[in-house]
Structures are given as C-alpha cells and as structure tokens.
Amino acid sequence: MIADKAGGLSESEEDSLAVALDRRLERAGYEPVYFPPEDHQHGEAAAPAPVRSEKVGRNEPCPCGSGKKYKKCCGA
C-alpha cells in the first residue's frame, strides 16, 4: 500500500515507514492510519496509571469484603 506511493520499498522498510507515520500522527493528536494503537510495539512501554487509594489500617475491616480485619486477611 505505501510502497506504491513511496516508490518500491522493501517490506521491512514499508513497515518502518508506516510505524513512523503513525507515531507522527499520534503526536499531533490524530488516530493512527496504518496500525491500531494496540498494535504499536515501538519500544515504548506504557506505564500503568498508579492507583491511588486510602491506606487501610491494620485493625480496620478488609476492603476485599471478607469481614475480617485487614491484618488477618489481605494484609498478612
């Protein structure tokens, strides 16, 4: 597909070009054209967003819902 427009690239060059074009589109705030976002494997590991929750006291009920104290359940 890109090779027709780019003038006879090899398959690996075509893939590299497609990934590079998609990266530029994403940086500019657009959706990627050649690969869906979950298909990008260009070395940038997406760090999961940190989950912020209130700290549970050892003698408080466990947040898992078991009814046990946290220190005897999930806090062990």
Protein backbone atom coordinates (compact mmCIF):
# COMPACT_ATOMS: atom_id res chain seq x y z
CA MET A 1 0.00 0.00 0.00
CA ILE A 2 2.68 2.53 1.00
CA ALA A 3 5.17 1.03 -1.47
CA ASP A 4 3.04 2.23 -4.37
CA LYS A 5 3.32 5.80 -3.11
CA ALA A 6 6.90 5.58 -1.83
CA GLY A 7 8.49 4.04 -4.91
CA GLY A 8 9.42 0.41 -4.35
CA LEU A 9 10.35 -0.06 -0.71
CA SER A 10 11.09 -3.45 0.80
CA GLU A 11 8.52 -4.90 3.17
CA SER A 12 10.58 -4.07 6.28
CA GLU A 13 11.15 -0.51 5.04
CA GLU A 14 7.44 -0.19 4.35
CA ASP A 15 6.58 -1.36 7.89
CA SER A 16 9.12 1.05 9.40
CA LEU A 17 7.67 3.91 7.39
CA ALA A 18 4.11 3.03 8.42
CA VAL A 19 5.06 2.93 12.11
CA ALA A 20 6.92 6.24 11.82
CA LEU A 21 3.97 7.90 10.10
CA ASP A 22 1.56 6.60 12.74
CA ARG A 23 3.81 7.93 15.52
CA ARG A 24 3.82 11.39 13.96
CA LEU A 25 0.05 11.31 13.64
CA GLU A 26 -0.35 10.27 17.29
CA ARG A 27 2.00 13.03 18.49
CA ALA A 28 -0.07 15.53 16.52
CA GLY A 29 -3.23 14.26 18.23
CA TYR A 30 -4.64 12.15 15.39
CA GLU A 31 -5.57 8.48 15.24
CA PRO A 32 -3.02 6.18 13.56
CA VAL A 33 -3.80 5.23 9.97
CA TYR A 34 -1.81 2.07 9.33
CA PHE A 35 -1.93 0.21 12.65
CA PRO A 36 -4.42 0.40 15.52
CA PRO A 37 -2.86 1.82 18.72
CA GLU A 38 -2.73 -1.59 20.45
CA ASP A 39 -0.57 -2.96 17.60
CA HIS A 40 2.26 -0.46 18.12
CA GLN A 41 5.33 -2.16 19.51
CA HIS A 42 7.95 0.54 19.13
CA GLY A 43 9.81 0.11 22.40
CA GLU A 44 7.74 2.50 24.48
CA ALA A 45 6.17 0.55 27.30
CA ALA A 46 3.05 2.29 28.50
CA ALA A 47 3.29 2.59 32.26
CA PRO A 48 0.05 1.75 34.02
CA ALA A 49 -1.56 4.66 35.80
CA PRO A 50 -0.92 4.47 39.54
CA VAL A 51 -3.95 3.54 41.57
CA ARG A 52 -4.37 5.86 44.49
CA SER A 53 -6.44 4.63 47.37
CA GLU A 54 -6.62 5.42 51.03
CA LYS A 55 -4.28 3.43 53.20
CA VAL A 56 -6.12 0.75 55.15
CA GLY A 57 -5.34 0.49 58.85
CA ARG A 58 -4.33 -2.94 60.15
CA ASN A 59 -7.33 -3.16 62.50
CA GLU A 60 -9.92 -1.87 60.02
CA PRO A 61 -12.19 -4.21 58.04
CA CYS A 62 -10.51 -5.61 54.94
CA PRO A 63 -11.52 -3.79 51.72
CA CYS A 64 -11.98 -7.15 49.94
CA GLY A 65 -15.29 -7.55 51.78
CA SER A 66 -14.49 -10.69 53.76
CA GLY A 67 -15.46 -9.09 57.07
CA LYS A 68 -12.10 -9.97 58.62
CA LYS A 69 -9.61 -7.42 59.90
CA TYR A 70 -7.13 -6.32 57.26
CA LYS A 71 -4.17 -7.68 59.23
CA LYS A 72 -5.74 -11.18 59.31
CA CYS A 73 -6.85 -11.16 55.67
CA CYS A 74 -5.12 -9.37 52.78
CA GLY A 75 -2.62 -7.53 54.98
CA ALA A 76 -0.93 -10.72 56.15
